[in-house]
């Protein structure tokens, strides 16, 4: 499936880890979490991690989730809209 653009951006900006297990890997979810989430930053540097993909930093419309180059921002709630 497709990964959330918001989660990609958040994990990139916080130097975090974004793990999207495949249906086959979901059976070993505890092992994935222990391997990717539990170790601190120093230990993570020593572990084999997946290579981060290119992150799309464009904004996404709040209603349609459509990626936008230009958008309108609500001045009250700061939501992004395509029109």
N, C-alpha and C. Protein backbone atom coordinates (compact mmCIF):
# COMPACT_ATOMS: atom_id res chain seq x y z
N UNK A 1 0.82 -1.19 0.00
CA UNK A 1 0.00 0.00 0.00
C UNK A 1 0.86 1.25 0.00
N UNK A 2 0.24 2.38 -0.09
CA UNK A 2 0.96 3.64 -0.09
C UNK A 2 1.14 4.12 1.34
N UNK A 3 2.27 4.75 1.57
CA UNK A 3 2.56 5.28 2.90
C UNK A 3 2.00 6.69 3.02
N UNK A 4 1.68 7.08 4.22
CA UNK A 4 1.17 8.41 4.51
C UNK A 4 2.27 9.45 4.25
N UNK A 5 1.95 10.46 3.46
CA UNK A 5 2.92 11.53 3.18
C UNK A 5 3.23 12.27 4.47
N UNK A 6 2.22 12.47 5.30
CA UNK A 6 2.43 13.17 6.58
C UNK A 6 3.42 12.41 7.45
N UNK A 7 3.26 11.08 7.54
CA UNK A 7 4.17 10.29 8.36
C UNK A 7 5.58 10.28 7.77
N UNK A 8 5.70 10.27 6.44
CA UNK A 8 7.03 10.35 5.81
C UNK A 8 7.71 11.65 6.20
N UNK A 9 6.97 12.76 6.09
CA UNK A 9 7.53 14.06 6.42
C UNK A 9 7.90 14.14 7.90
N UNK A 10 7.02 13.66 8.77
CA UNK A 10 7.26 13.72 10.21
C UNK A 10 8.48 12.89 10.60
N UNK A 11 8.61 11.69 10.04
CA UNK A 11 9.76 10.86 10.40
C UNK A 11 11.06 11.45 9.86
N UNK A 12 11.00 12.08 8.70
CA UNK A 12 12.20 12.71 8.13
C UNK A 12 12.63 13.91 8.99
N UNK A 13 11.68 14.76 9.35
CA UNK A 13 11.99 15.99 10.08
C UNK A 13 12.45 15.72 11.51
N UNK A 14 12.01 14.61 12.10
CA UNK A 14 12.39 14.29 13.47
C UNK A 14 13.51 13.26 13.56
N UNK A 15 14.08 12.89 12.40
CA UNK A 15 15.09 11.83 12.33
C UNK A 15 14.57 10.54 12.95
N UNK A 16 13.28 10.31 12.74
CA UNK A 16 12.64 9.12 13.28
C UNK A 16 12.70 7.95 12.31
N UNK A 17 11.95 6.92 12.63
CA UNK A 17 11.93 5.70 11.83
C UNK A 17 10.51 5.49 11.33
N UNK A 18 10.38 5.26 10.04
CA UNK A 18 9.09 4.95 9.44
C UNK A 18 9.15 3.52 8.94
N UNK A 19 8.37 2.64 9.54
CA UNK A 19 8.36 1.23 9.18
C UNK A 19 6.97 0.88 8.68
N UNK A 20 6.89 0.34 7.48
CA UNK A 20 5.62 -0.10 6.91
C UNK A 20 5.73 -1.58 6.59
N UNK A 21 5.37 -2.45 7.54
CA UNK A 21 5.52 -3.88 7.31
C UNK A 21 4.57 -4.39 6.24
N UNK A 22 5.04 -5.36 5.48
CA UNK A 22 4.20 -6.01 4.47
C UNK A 22 3.28 -7.00 5.20
N UNK A 23 2.23 -7.48 4.52
CA UNK A 23 1.33 -8.45 5.18
C UNK A 23 2.08 -9.69 5.72
N UNK A 24 3.13 -10.12 5.03
CA UNK A 24 3.89 -11.27 5.53
C UNK A 24 4.66 -10.93 6.79
N UNK A 25 5.13 -9.69 6.89
CA UNK A 25 5.92 -9.27 8.05
C UNK A 25 5.05 -8.96 9.27
N UNK A 26 3.75 -8.77 9.07
CA UNK A 26 2.88 -8.42 10.19
C UNK A 26 2.81 -9.53 11.23
N UNK A 27 3.11 -10.77 10.83
CA UNK A 27 3.11 -11.87 11.81
C UNK A 27 4.24 -11.68 12.82
N UNK A 28 5.33 -11.09 12.40
CA UNK A 28 6.45 -10.83 13.29
C UNK A 28 6.51 -9.38 13.72
N UNK A 29 5.35 -8.77 13.96
CA UNK A 29 5.28 -7.35 14.27
C UNK A 29 6.06 -7.00 15.54
N UNK A 30 6.01 -7.86 16.53
CA UNK A 30 6.75 -7.59 17.77
C UNK A 30 8.25 -7.49 17.49
N UNK A 31 8.77 -8.38 16.66
CA UNK A 31 10.19 -8.34 16.34
C UNK A 31 10.54 -7.07 15.57
N UNK A 32 9.67 -6.65 14.65
CA UNK A 32 9.91 -5.42 13.89
C UNK A 32 9.94 -4.22 14.84
N UNK A 33 8.99 -4.15 15.75
CA UNK A 33 8.95 -3.02 16.69
C UNK A 33 10.16 -3.01 17.61
N UNK A 34 10.56 -4.18 18.10
CA UNK A 34 11.73 -4.26 18.99
C UNK A 34 13.00 -3.85 18.24
N UNK A 35 13.10 -4.24 16.97
CA UNK A 35 14.29 -3.94 16.18
C UNK A 35 14.36 -2.48 15.75
N UNK A 36 13.22 -1.90 15.37
CA UNK A 36 13.23 -0.55 14.79
C UNK A 36 12.90 0.56 15.77
N UNK A 37 12.08 0.29 16.77
CA UNK A 37 11.59 1.36 17.64
C UNK A 37 12.28 1.39 19.00
N UNK A 38 12.53 0.25 19.58
CA UNK A 38 13.07 0.18 20.94
C UNK A 38 14.49 0.73 21.09
N UNK A 39 15.42 0.44 20.17
CA UNK A 39 16.79 0.94 20.35
C UNK A 39 16.87 2.47 20.30
N UNK A 40 17.83 3.03 21.06
CA UNK A 40 18.04 4.47 20.99
C UNK A 40 18.81 4.83 19.72
N UNK A 41 19.04 6.12 19.50
CA UNK A 41 19.67 6.56 18.25
C UNK A 41 21.06 5.96 18.03
N UNK A 42 21.85 5.85 19.09
CA UNK A 42 23.20 5.31 18.94
C UNK A 42 23.14 3.85 18.50
N UNK A 43 22.24 3.09 19.08
CA UNK A 43 22.10 1.67 18.69
C UNK A 43 21.52 1.53 17.29
N UNK A 44 20.56 2.40 16.94
CA UNK A 44 19.96 2.34 15.59
C UNK A 44 21.01 2.54 14.52
N UNK A 45 22.02 3.36 14.80
CA UNK A 45 23.07 3.60 13.82
C UNK A 45 23.85 2.33 13.51
N UNK A 46 23.90 1.41 14.45
CA UNK A 46 24.63 0.15 14.26
C UNK A 46 23.78 -0.93 13.61
N UNK A 47 22.46 -0.78 13.67
CA UNK A 47 21.56 -1.78 13.10
C UNK A 47 21.33 -1.50 11.61
N UNK A 48 21.05 -2.55 10.87
CA UNK A 48 20.73 -2.40 9.45
C UNK A 48 19.31 -1.87 9.32
N UNK A 49 19.18 -0.64 8.89
CA UNK A 49 17.87 -0.01 8.72
C UNK A 49 17.55 0.09 7.24
N UNK A 50 16.27 0.19 6.93
CA UNK A 50 15.88 0.38 5.54
C UNK A 50 16.32 1.76 5.07
N UNK A 51 16.65 1.87 3.82
CA UNK A 51 17.11 3.13 3.24
C UNK A 51 15.91 4.06 3.08
N UNK A 52 15.97 5.29 3.60
CA UNK A 52 14.83 6.20 3.45
C UNK A 52 14.63 6.58 1.98
N UNK A 53 13.38 6.63 1.59
CA UNK A 53 13.03 7.00 0.23
C UNK A 53 12.92 8.52 0.14
N UNK A 54 12.82 9.02 -1.07
CA UNK A 54 12.64 10.46 -1.25
C UNK A 54 11.33 10.88 -0.60
N UNK A 55 11.37 11.96 0.15
CA UNK A 55 10.19 12.45 0.84
C UNK A 55 9.60 13.60 0.04
N UNK A 56 8.30 13.54 -0.19
CA UNK A 56 7.59 14.59 -0.92
C UNK A 56 7.15 15.65 0.09
N UNK A 57 7.72 16.85 0.00
CA UNK A 57 7.41 17.90 0.97
C UNK A 57 6.30 18.83 0.52
N UNK A 58 5.60 18.48 -0.56
CA UNK A 58 4.46 19.30 -0.96
C UNK A 58 3.32 19.12 0.04
N UNK A 59 2.47 20.13 0.09
CA UNK A 59 1.31 20.05 0.99
C UNK A 59 0.23 19.17 0.37
N UNK A 60 -0.60 18.60 1.21
CA UNK A 60 -1.72 17.78 0.75
C UNK A 60 -3.02 18.43 1.18
N UNK A 61 -4.00 18.41 0.28
CA UNK A 61 -5.32 18.98 0.57
C UNK A 61 -5.96 18.21 1.73
N UNK A 62 -6.57 18.92 2.65
CA UNK A 62 -7.21 18.32 3.82
C UNK A 62 -8.39 17.45 3.42
N UNK A 63 -9.14 17.85 2.37
CA UNK A 63 -10.34 17.12 1.97
C UNK A 63 -10.05 15.97 1.03
N UNK A 64 -9.16 16.18 0.05
CA UNK A 64 -8.96 15.19 -1.00
C UNK A 64 -7.64 14.43 -0.90
N UNK A 65 -6.75 14.86 -0.04
CA UNK A 65 -5.40 14.29 0.11
C UNK A 65 -4.58 14.43 -1.18
N UNK A 66 -5.00 15.29 -2.07
CA UNK A 66 -4.30 15.55 -3.33
C UNK A 66 -3.05 16.39 -3.04
N UNK A 67 -1.92 15.99 -3.64
CA UNK A 67 -0.68 16.74 -3.46
C UNK A 67 -0.77 18.06 -4.23
N UNK A 68 -0.33 19.14 -3.60
CA UNK A 68 -0.50 20.48 -4.17
C UNK A 68 0.82 21.22 -4.25
N UNK A 69 0.97 22.00 -5.33
CA UNK A 69 2.10 22.91 -5.43
C UNK A 69 1.74 24.26 -4.82
N UNK A 70 0.49 24.67 -5.01
CA UNK A 70 -0.04 25.90 -4.41
C UNK A 70 -1.37 25.57 -3.76
N UNK A 71 -1.65 26.24 -2.65
CA UNK A 71 -2.87 25.91 -1.91
C UNK A 71 -3.36 27.11 -1.12
N UNK A 72 -4.55 26.97 -0.56
CA UNK A 72 -5.13 27.97 0.32
C UNK A 72 -5.09 27.42 1.74
N UNK A 73 -4.76 28.29 2.70
CA UNK A 73 -4.67 27.88 4.10
C UNK A 73 -5.75 28.60 4.88
N UNK A 74 -6.53 27.84 5.65
CA UNK A 74 -7.55 28.42 6.50
C UNK A 74 -6.87 29.20 7.62
N UNK A 75 -7.25 30.45 7.80
CA UNK A 75 -6.59 31.28 8.82
C UNK A 75 -7.04 30.92 10.24
N UNK A 76 -8.08 30.14 10.37
CA UNK A 76 -8.57 29.76 11.70
C UNK A 76 -7.93 28.46 12.16
N UNK A 77 -7.99 27.41 11.30
CA UNK A 77 -7.52 26.08 11.74
C UNK A 77 -6.21 25.65 11.06
N UNK A 78 -5.72 26.45 10.10
CA UNK A 78 -4.49 26.18 9.36
C UNK A 78 -4.56 24.92 8.50
N UNK A 79 -5.78 24.48 8.14
CA UNK A 79 -5.93 23.37 7.21
C UNK A 79 -5.61 23.85 5.80
N UNK A 80 -5.13 22.94 4.97
CA UNK A 80 -4.74 23.27 3.61
C UNK A 80 -5.81 22.75 2.65
N UNK A 81 -6.24 23.62 1.72
CA UNK A 81 -7.27 23.26 0.75
C UNK A 81 -6.80 23.56 -0.65
N UNK A 82 -7.31 22.78 -1.62
CA UNK A 82 -6.90 22.95 -3.01
C UNK A 82 -7.62 24.10 -3.69
N UNK A 83 -8.78 24.53 -3.20
CA UNK A 83 -9.48 25.69 -3.77
C UNK A 83 -10.25 26.42 -2.70
